Amino acid sequence: YADLALLDPLVSAFVTRNHVMMVFDTLYA
């Protein structure tokens, strides 16, 4: 929906969230 301007998981943006879900994993889901 928009350019991925910021990559850091601590950025609050949907587009960054979608990126983080691809690259990283979490302890629980």
Full PDB file with SEQRES, HELIX, SHEET, SSBOND, CRYST1, ORIGX, SCALE, CONECT and MASTER records, all heavy atoms in Angstrom:
SEQRES   1 A   29  TYR ALA ASP LEU ALA LEU LEU ASP PRO LEU VAL SER ALA          
SEQRES   2 A   29  PHE VAL THR ARG ASN HIS VAL MET MET VAL PHE ASP THR          
SEQRES   3 A   29  LEU TYR ALA                                                  
HELIX    1 AA1 PHE A   14  VAL A   23  1                                  10    
CRYST1    1.000    1.000    1.000  90.00  90.00  90.00 P 1           1          
ORIGX1      1.000000  0.000000  0.000000        0.00000                         
ORIGX2      0.000000  1.000000  0.000000        0.00000                         
ORIGX3      0.000000  0.000000  1.000000        0.00000                         
SCALE1      1.000000  0.000000  0.000000        0.00000                         
SCALE2      0.000000  1.000000  0.000000        0.00000                         
SCALE3      0.000000  0.000000  1.000000        0.00000                         
ATOM      1  N   TYR A   1       0.821  -1.213   0.000  1.00  0.00           N  
ATOM      2  CA  TYR A   1       0.000   0.000   0.000  1.00  0.00           C  
ATOM      3  C   TYR A   1       0.856   1.265   0.000  1.00  0.00           C  
ATOM      4  O   TYR A   1       0.395   2.347  -0.392  1.00  0.00           O  
ATOM      5  CB  TYR A   1      -0.955   0.007   1.200  1.00  0.00           C  
ATOM      6  CG  TYR A   1      -0.306   0.355   2.528  1.00  0.00           C  
ATOM      7  CD1 TYR A   1      -0.195   1.667   2.956  1.00  0.00           C  
ATOM      8  CD2 TYR A   1       0.203  -0.641   3.356  1.00  0.00           C  
ATOM      9  CE1 TYR A   1       0.399   1.988   4.160  1.00  0.00           C  
ATOM     10  CE2 TYR A   1       0.792  -0.337   4.559  1.00  0.00           C  
ATOM     11  CZ  TYR A   1       0.894   0.983   4.968  1.00  0.00           C  
ATOM     12  OH  TYR A   1       1.502   1.280   6.167  1.00  0.00           O  
ATOM     13  N   ALA A   2       2.110   1.156   0.450  1.00  0.00           N  
ATOM     14  CA  ALA A   2       3.008   2.315   0.497  1.00  0.00           C  
ATOM     15  C   ALA A   2       4.441   1.816   0.423  1.00  0.00           C  
ATOM     16  O   ALA A   2       4.720   0.624   0.601  1.00  0.00           O  
ATOM     17  CB  ALA A   2       2.795   3.129   1.783  1.00  0.00           C  
ATOM     18  N   ASP A   3       5.357   2.741   0.198  1.00  0.00           N  
ATOM     19  CA  ASP A   3       6.768   2.370   0.143  1.00  0.00           C  
ATOM     20  C   ASP A   3       7.260   1.946   1.519  1.00  0.00           C  
ATOM     21  O   ASP A   3       6.850   2.505   2.551  1.00  0.00           O  
ATOM     22  CB  ASP A   3       7.592   3.561  -0.352  1.00  0.00           C  
ATOM     23  CG  ASP A   3       9.082   3.241  -0.420  1.00  0.00           C  
ATOM     24  OD1 ASP A   3       9.426   2.160  -0.940  1.00  0.00           O  
ATOM     25  OD2 ASP A   3       9.880   4.063   0.045  1.00  0.00           O  
ATOM     26  N   LEU A   4       8.144   0.959   1.530  1.00  0.00           N  
ATOM     27  CA  LEU A   4       8.788   0.523   2.763  1.00  0.00           C  
ATOM     28  C   LEU A   4       9.944   1.477   3.047  1.00  0.00           C  
ATOM     29  O   LEU A   4      11.081   1.238   2.669  1.00  0.00           O  
ATOM     30  CB  LEU A   4       9.281  -0.918   2.621  1.00  0.00           C  
ATOM     31  CG  LEU A   4      10.033  -1.515   3.813  1.00  0.00           C  
ATOM     32  CD1 LEU A   4       9.151  -1.583   5.042  1.00  0.00           C  
ATOM     33  CD2 LEU A   4      10.577  -2.892   3.452  1.00  0.00           C  
ATOM     34  N   ALA A   5       9.638   2.567   3.737  1.00  0.00           N  
ATOM     35  CA  ALA A   5      10.645   3.605   3.968  1.00  0.00           C  
ATOM     36  C   ALA A   5      11.550   3.259   5.138  1.00  0.00           C  
ATOM     37  O   ALA A   5      12.724   3.620   5.144  1.00  0.00           O  
ATOM     38  CB  ALA A   5       9.959   4.951   4.213  1.00  0.00           C  
ATOM     39  N   LEU A   6      11.011   2.571   6.154  1.00  0.00           N  
ATOM     40  CA  LEU A   6      11.758   2.269   7.369  1.00  0.00           C  
ATOM     41  C   LEU A   6      11.669   0.778   7.658  1.00  0.00           C  
ATOM     42  O   LEU A   6      10.584   0.182   7.593  1.00  0.00           O  
ATOM     43  CB  LEU A   6      11.210   3.075   8.549  1.00  0.00           C  
ATOM     44  CG  LEU A   6      11.332   4.608   8.399  1.00  0.00           C  
ATOM     45  CD1 LEU A   6      10.552   5.314   9.489  1.00  0.00           C  
ATOM     46  CD2 LEU A   6      12.786   5.049   8.420  1.00  0.00           C  
ATOM     47  N   LEU A   7      12.800   0.163   8.001  1.00  0.00           N  
ATOM     48  CA  LEU A   7      12.892  -1.286   8.141  1.00  0.00           C  
ATOM     49  C   LEU A   7      12.842  -1.767   9.583  1.00  0.00           C  
ATOM     50  O   LEU A   7      12.579  -2.945   9.837  1.00  0.00           O  
ATOM     51  CB  LEU A   7      14.204  -1.771   7.512  1.00  0.00           C  
ATOM     52  CG  LEU A   7      14.486  -1.361   6.071  1.00  0.00           C  
ATOM     53  CD1 LEU A   7      15.875  -1.835   5.654  1.00  0.00           C  
ATOM     54  CD2 LEU A   7      13.437  -1.920   5.128  1.00  0.00           C  
ATOM     55  N   ASP A   8      13.131  -0.918  10.524  1.00  0.00           N  
ATOM     56  CA  ASP A   8      13.302  -1.300  11.922  1.00  0.00           C  
ATOM     57  C   ASP A   8      11.996  -1.852  12.511  1.00  0.00           C  
ATOM     58  O   ASP A   8      10.936  -1.240  12.342  1.00  0.00           O  
ATOM     59  CB  ASP A   8      13.727  -0.069  12.723  1.00  0.00           C  
ATOM     60  CG  ASP A   8      14.271  -0.391  14.100  1.00  0.00           C  
ATOM     61  OD1 ASP A   8      13.698  -1.254  14.791  1.00  0.00           O  
ATOM     62  OD2 ASP A   8      15.274   0.225  14.492  1.00  0.00           O  
ATOM     63  N   PRO A   9      12.049  -2.995  13.214  1.00  0.00           N  
ATOM     64  CA  PRO A   9      10.836  -3.527  13.842  1.00  0.00           C  
ATOM     65  C   PRO A   9      10.185  -2.590  14.851  1.00  0.00           C  
ATOM     66  O   PRO A   9       9.021  -2.785  15.207  1.00  0.00           O  
ATOM     67  CB  PRO A   9      11.340  -4.803  14.540  1.00  0.00           C  
ATOM     68  CG  PRO A   9      12.521  -5.226  13.758  1.00  0.00           C  
ATOM     69  CD  PRO A   9      13.178  -3.947  13.314  1.00  0.00           C  
ATOM     70  N   LEU A  10      10.914  -1.570  15.319  1.00  0.00           N  
ATOM     71  CA  LEU A  10      10.330  -0.627  16.268  1.00  0.00           C  
ATOM     72  C   LEU A  10       9.600   0.520  15.594  1.00  0.00           C  
ATOM     73  O   LEU A  10       9.180   1.462  16.263  1.00  0.00           O  
ATOM     74  CB  LEU A  10      11.417  -0.076  17.203  1.00  0.00           C  
ATOM     75  CG  LEU A  10      12.069  -1.098  18.138  1.00  0.00           C  
ATOM     76  CD1 LEU A  10      12.973  -0.399  19.148  1.00  0.00           C  
ATOM     77  CD2 LEU A  10      11.029  -1.947  18.867  1.00  0.00           C  
ATOM     78  N   VAL A  11       9.428   0.462  14.273  1.00  0.00           N  
ATOM     79  CA  VAL A  11       8.658   1.468  13.551  1.00  0.00           C  
ATOM     80  C   VAL A  11       7.195   1.036  13.511  1.00  0.00           C  
ATOM     81  O   VAL A  11       6.883  -0.103  13.185  1.00  0.00           O  
ATOM     82  CB  VAL A  11       9.189   1.645  12.115  1.00  0.00           C  
ATOM     83  CG1 VAL A  11       8.258   2.538  11.295  1.00  0.00           C  
ATOM     84  CG2 VAL A  11      10.600   2.240  12.150  1.00  0.00           C  
ATOM     85  N   SER A  12       6.310   1.960  13.844  1.00  0.00           N  
ATOM     86  CA  SER A  12       4.881   1.641  13.856  1.00  0.00           C  
ATOM     87  C   SER A  12       4.251   2.038  12.533  1.00  0.00           C  
ATOM     88  O   SER A  12       3.785   3.157  12.347  1.00  0.00           O  
ATOM     89  CB  SER A  12       4.190   2.377  15.011  1.00  0.00           C  
ATOM     90  OG  SER A  12       2.825   2.036  15.061  1.00  0.00           O  
ATOM     91  N   ALA A  13       4.264   1.118  11.573  1.00  0.00           N  
ATOM     92  CA  ALA A  13       3.634   1.311  10.268  1.00  0.00           C  
ATOM     93  C   ALA A  13       3.281  -0.067   9.734  1.00  0.00           C  
ATOM     94  O   ALA A  13       4.061  -1.015   9.867  1.00  0.00           O  
ATOM     95  CB  ALA A  13       4.569   2.046   9.313  1.00  0.00           C  
ATOM     96  N   PHE A  14       2.100  -0.196   9.112  1.00  0.00           N  
ATOM     97  CA  PHE A  14       1.674  -1.496   8.583  1.00  0.00           C  
ATOM     98  C   PHE A  14       2.700  -2.072   7.624  1.00  0.00           C  
ATOM     99  O   PHE A  14       2.987  -3.262   7.632  1.00  0.00           O  
ATOM    100  CB  PHE A  14       0.341  -1.354   7.842  1.00  0.00           C  
ATOM    101  CG  PHE A  14      -0.864  -1.151   8.714  1.00  0.00           C  
ATOM    102  CD1 PHE A  14      -2.080  -0.771   8.162  1.00  0.00           C  
ATOM    103  CD2 PHE A  14      -0.805  -1.346  10.080  1.00  0.00           C  
ATOM    104  CE1 PHE A  14      -3.202  -0.585   8.948  1.00  0.00           C  
ATOM    105  CE2 PHE A  14      -1.918  -1.160  10.882  1.00  0.00           C  
ATOM    106  CZ  PHE A  14      -3.120  -0.778  10.308  1.00  0.00           C  
ATOM    107  N   VAL A  15       3.252  -1.216   6.753  1.00  0.00           N  
ATOM    108  CA  VAL A  15       4.170  -1.722   5.733  1.00  0.00           C  
ATOM    109  C   VAL A  15       5.435  -2.278   6.391  1.00  0.00           C  
ATOM    110  O   VAL A  15       5.978  -3.298   5.953  1.00  0.00           O  
ATOM    111  CB  VAL A  15       4.492  -0.619   4.694  1.00  0.00           C  
ATOM    112  CG1 VAL A  15       5.300   0.515   5.297  1.00  0.00           C  
ATOM    113  CG2 VAL A  15       5.164  -1.199   3.464  1.00  0.00           C  
ATOM    114  N   THR A  16       5.885  -1.651   7.474  1.00  0.00           N  
ATOM    115  CA  THR A  16       7.037  -2.175   8.218  1.00  0.00           C  
ATOM    116  C   THR A  16       6.661  -3.461   8.940  1.00  0.00           C  
ATOM    117  O   THR A  16       7.444  -4.424   8.971  1.00  0.00           O  
ATOM    118  CB  THR A  16       7.557  -1.125   9.204  1.00  0.00           C  
ATOM    119  OG1 THR A  16       7.916   0.059   8.491  1.00  0.00           O  
ATOM    120  CG2 THR A  16       8.770  -1.632   9.967  1.00  0.00           C  
ATOM    121  N   ARG A  17       5.482  -3.499   9.505  1.00  0.00           N  
ATOM    122  CA  ARG A  17       5.006  -4.722  10.160  1.00  0.00           C  
ATOM    123  C   ARG A  17       5.021  -5.910   9.210  1.00  0.00           C  
ATOM    124  O   ARG A  17       5.489  -7.004   9.557  1.00  0.00           O  
ATOM    125  CB  ARG A  17       3.585  -4.493  10.685  1.00  0.00           C  
ATOM    126  CG  ARG A  17       2.857  -5.724  11.202  1.00  0.00           C  
ATOM    127  CD  ARG A  17       1.351  -5.547  11.117  1.00  0.00           C  
ATOM    128  NE  ARG A  17       0.875  -5.479   9.740  1.00  0.00           N  
ATOM    129  CZ  ARG A  17      -0.355  -5.129   9.397  1.00  0.00           C  
ATOM    130  NH1 ARG A  17      -1.229  -4.792  10.328  1.00  0.00           N  
ATOM    131  NH2 ARG A  17      -0.713  -5.109   8.121  1.00  0.00           N  
ATOM    132  N   ASN A  18       4.521  -5.722   7.984  1.00  0.00           N  
ATOM    133  CA  ASN A  18       4.481  -6.815   7.010  1.00  0.00           C  
ATOM    134  C   ASN A  18       5.892  -7.289   6.665  1.00  0.00           C  
ATOM    135  O   ASN A  18       6.133  -8.490   6.493  1.00  0.00           O  
ATOM    136  CB  ASN A  18       3.761  -6.358   5.739  1.00  0.00           C  
ATOM    137  CG  ASN A  18       2.310  -5.984   5.998  1.00  0.00           C  
ATOM    138  OD1 ASN A  18       1.746  -6.310   7.039  1.00  0.00           O  
ATOM    139  ND2 ASN A  18       1.699  -5.294   5.055  1.00  0.00           N  
ATOM    140  N   HIS A  19       6.815  -6.346   6.549  1.00  0.00           N  
ATOM    141  CA  HIS A  19       8.219  -6.667   6.303  1.00  0.00           C  
ATOM    142  C   HIS A  19       8.812  -7.458   7.464  1.00  0.00           C  
ATOM    143  O   HIS A  19       9.497  -8.468   7.262  1.00  0.00           O  
ATOM    144  CB  HIS A  19       8.978  -5.350   6.072  1.00  0.00           C  
ATOM    145  CG  HIS A  19      10.413  -5.358   6.437  1.00  0.00           C  
ATOM    146  ND1 HIS A  19      11.399  -5.858   5.619  1.00  0.00           N  
ATOM    147  CD2 HIS A  19      11.050  -4.917   7.565  1.00  0.00           C  
ATOM    148  CE1 HIS A  19      12.575  -5.719   6.205  1.00  0.00           C  
ATOM    149  NE2 HIS A  19      12.397  -5.154   7.378  1.00  0.00           N  
ATOM    150  N   VAL A  20       8.543  -7.026   8.674  1.00  0.00           N  
ATOM    151  CA  VAL A  20       9.092  -7.695   9.865  1.00  0.00           C  
ATOM    152  C   VAL A  20       8.599  -9.130   9.962  1.00  0.00           C  
ATOM    153  O   VAL A  20       9.361 -10.043  10.309  1.00  0.00           O  
ATOM    154  CB  VAL A  20       8.730  -6.894  11.136  1.00  0.00           C  
ATOM    155  CG1 VAL A  20       9.080  -7.684  12.400  1.00  0.00           C  
ATOM    156  CG2 VAL A  20       9.456  -5.553  11.144  1.00  0.00           C  
ATOM    157  N   MET A  21       7.337  -9.367   9.604  1.00  0.00           N  
ATOM    158  CA  MET A  21       6.788 -10.715   9.680  1.00  0.00           C  
ATOM    159  C   MET A  21       7.472 -11.674   8.701  1.00  0.00           C  
ATOM    160  O   MET A  21       7.458 -12.881   8.901  1.00  0.00           O  
ATOM    161  CB  MET A  21       5.284 -10.697   9.414  1.00  0.00           C  
ATOM    162  CG  MET A  21       4.464 -10.061  10.519  1.00  0.00           C  
ATOM    163  SD  MET A  21       4.554 -10.956  12.091  1.00  0.00           S  
ATOM    164  CE  MET A  21       3.707 -12.472  11.677  1.00  0.00           C  
ATOM    165  N   MET A  22       8.083 -11.137   7.644  1.00  0.00           N  
ATOM    166  CA  MET A  22       8.802 -11.992   6.691  1.00  0.00           C  
ATOM    167  C   MET A  22      10.202 -12.337   7.192  1.00  0.00           C  
ATOM    168  O   MET A  22      10.659 -13.470   7.064  1.00  0.00           O  
ATOM    169  CB  MET A  22       8.909 -11.292   5.334  1.00  0.00           C  
ATOM    170  CG  MET A  22       7.601 -11.040   4.637  1.00  0.00           C  
ATOM    171  SD  MET A  22       7.826 -10.253   3.032  1.00  0.00           S  
ATOM    172  CE  MET A  22       8.460 -11.595   2.042  1.00  0.00           C  
ATOM    173  N   VAL A  23      10.884 -11.343   7.743  1.00  0.00           N  
ATOM    174  CA  VAL A  23      12.308 -11.461   8.029  1.00  0.00           C  
ATOM    175  C   VAL A  23      12.584 -12.047   9.415  1.00  0.00           C  
ATOM    176  O   VAL A  23      13.577 -12.755   9.608  1.00  0.00           O  
ATOM    177  CB  VAL A  23      12.983 -10.080   7.892  1.00  0.00           C  
ATOM    178  CG1 VAL A  23      14.448 -10.121   8.303  1.00  0.00           C  
ATOM    179  CG2 VAL A  23      12.835  -9.564   6.466  1.00  0.00           C  
ATOM    180  N   PHE A  24      11.707 -11.782  10.358  1.00  0.00           N  
ATOM    181  CA  PHE A  24      11.961 -12.148  11.748  1.00  0.00           C  
ATOM    182  C   PHE A  24      10.974 -13.210  12.233  1.00  0.00           C  
ATOM    183  O   PHE A  24       9.948 -13.464  11.602  1.00  0.00           O  
ATOM    184  CB  PHE A  24      11.870 -10.913  12.643  1.00  0.00           C  
ATOM    185  CG  PHE A  24      12.892  -9.863  12.330  1.00  0.00           C  
ATOM    186  CD1 PHE A  24      12.619  -8.845  11.431  1.00  0.00           C  
ATOM    187  CD2 PHE A  24      14.145  -9.890  12.922  1.00  0.00           C  
ATOM    188  CE1 PHE A  24      13.565  -7.870  11.131  1.00  0.00           C  
ATOM    189  CE2 PHE A  24      15.106  -8.924  12.632  1.00  0.00           C  
ATOM    190  CZ  PHE A  24      14.808  -7.912  11.734  1.00  0.00           C  
ATOM    191  N   ASP A  25      11.320 -13.793  13.359  1.00  0.00           N  
ATOM    192  CA  ASP A  25      10.419 -14.722  14.027  1.00  0.00           C  
ATOM    193  C   ASP A  25      10.214 -14.258  15.459  1.00  0.00           C  
ATOM    194  O   ASP A  25      10.961 -13.400  15.964  1.00  0.00           O  
ATOM    195  CB  ASP A  25      10.993 -16.147  13.996  1.00  0.00           C  
ATOM    196  CG  ASP A  25       9.918 -17.200  13.726  1.00  0.00           C  
ATOM    197  OD1 ASP A  25       8.726 -16.893  13.954  1.00  0.00           O  
ATOM    198  OD2 ASP A  25      10.263 -18.305  13.294  1.00  0.00           O  
ATOM    199  N   THR A  26       9.219 -14.802  16.125  1.00  0.00           N  
ATOM    200  CA  THR A  26       8.901 -14.442  17.501  1.00  0.00           C  
ATOM    201  C   THR A  26       8.841 -15.699  18.364  1.00  0.00           C  
ATOM    202  O   THR A  26       8.680 -16.813  17.858  1.00  0.00           O  
ATOM    203  CB  THR A  26       7.557 -13.696  17.576  1.00  0.00           C  
ATOM    204  OG1 THR A  26       6.545 -14.475  16.915  1.00  0.00           O  
ATOM    205  CG2 THR A  26       7.642 -12.339  16.909  1.00  0.00           C  
ATOM    206  N   LEU A  27       8.951 -15.518  19.663  1.00  0.00           N  
ATOM    207  CA  LEU A  27       8.963 -16.665  20.575  1.00  0.00           C  
ATOM    208  C   LEU A  27       7.625 -17.388  20.567  1.00  0.00           C  
ATOM    209  O   LEU A  27       7.570 -18.626  20.615  1.00  0.00           O  
ATOM    210  CB  LEU A  27       9.317 -16.207  21.986  1.00  0.00           C  
ATOM    211  CG  LEU A  27      10.719 -15.634  22.168  1.00  0.00           C  
ATOM    212  CD1 LEU A  27      10.900 -15.098  23.578  1.00  0.00           C  
ATOM    213  CD2 LEU A  27      11.780 -16.672  21.850  1.00  0.00           C  
ATOM    214  N   TYR A  28       6.553 -16.625  20.546  1.00  0.00           N  
ATOM    215  CA  TYR A  28       5.196 -17.173  20.461  1.00  0.00           C  
ATOM    216  C   TYR A  28       4.512 -16.552  19.250  1.00  0.00           C  
ATOM    217  O   TYR A  28       4.960 -15.530  18.710  1.00  0.00           O  
ATOM    218  CB  TYR A  28       4.389 -16.859  21.725  1.00  0.00           C  
ATOM    219  CG  TYR A  28       4.823 -17.621  22.953  1.00  0.00           C  
ATOM    220  CD1 TYR A  28       5.899 -17.180  23.722  1.00  0.00           C  
ATOM    221  CD2 TYR A  28       4.161 -18.782  23.351  1.00  0.00           C  
ATOM    222  CE1 TYR A  28       6.313 -17.876  24.852  1.00  0.00           C  
ATOM    223  CE2 TYR A  28       4.561 -19.481  24.483  1.00  0.00           C  
ATOM    224  CZ  TYR A  28       5.633 -19.023  25.222  1.00  0.00           C  
ATOM    225  OH  TYR A  28       6.038 -19.722  26.338  1.00  0.00           O  
ATOM    226  N   ALA A  29       3.401 -17.143  18.831  1.00  0.00           N  
ATOM    227  CA  ALA A  29       2.643 -16.626  17.690  1.00  0.00           C  
ATOM    228  C   ALA A  29       1.161 -16.843  17.943  1.00  0.00           C  
ATOM    229  O   ALA A  29       0.764 -17.853  18.549  1.00  0.00           O  
ATOM    230  CB  ALA A  29       3.072 -17.314  16.397  1.00  0.00           C  
TER     231      ALA A  29                                                      
MASTER        0    0    0    1    0    0    0    6  230    1    0    3          
END                                                                             
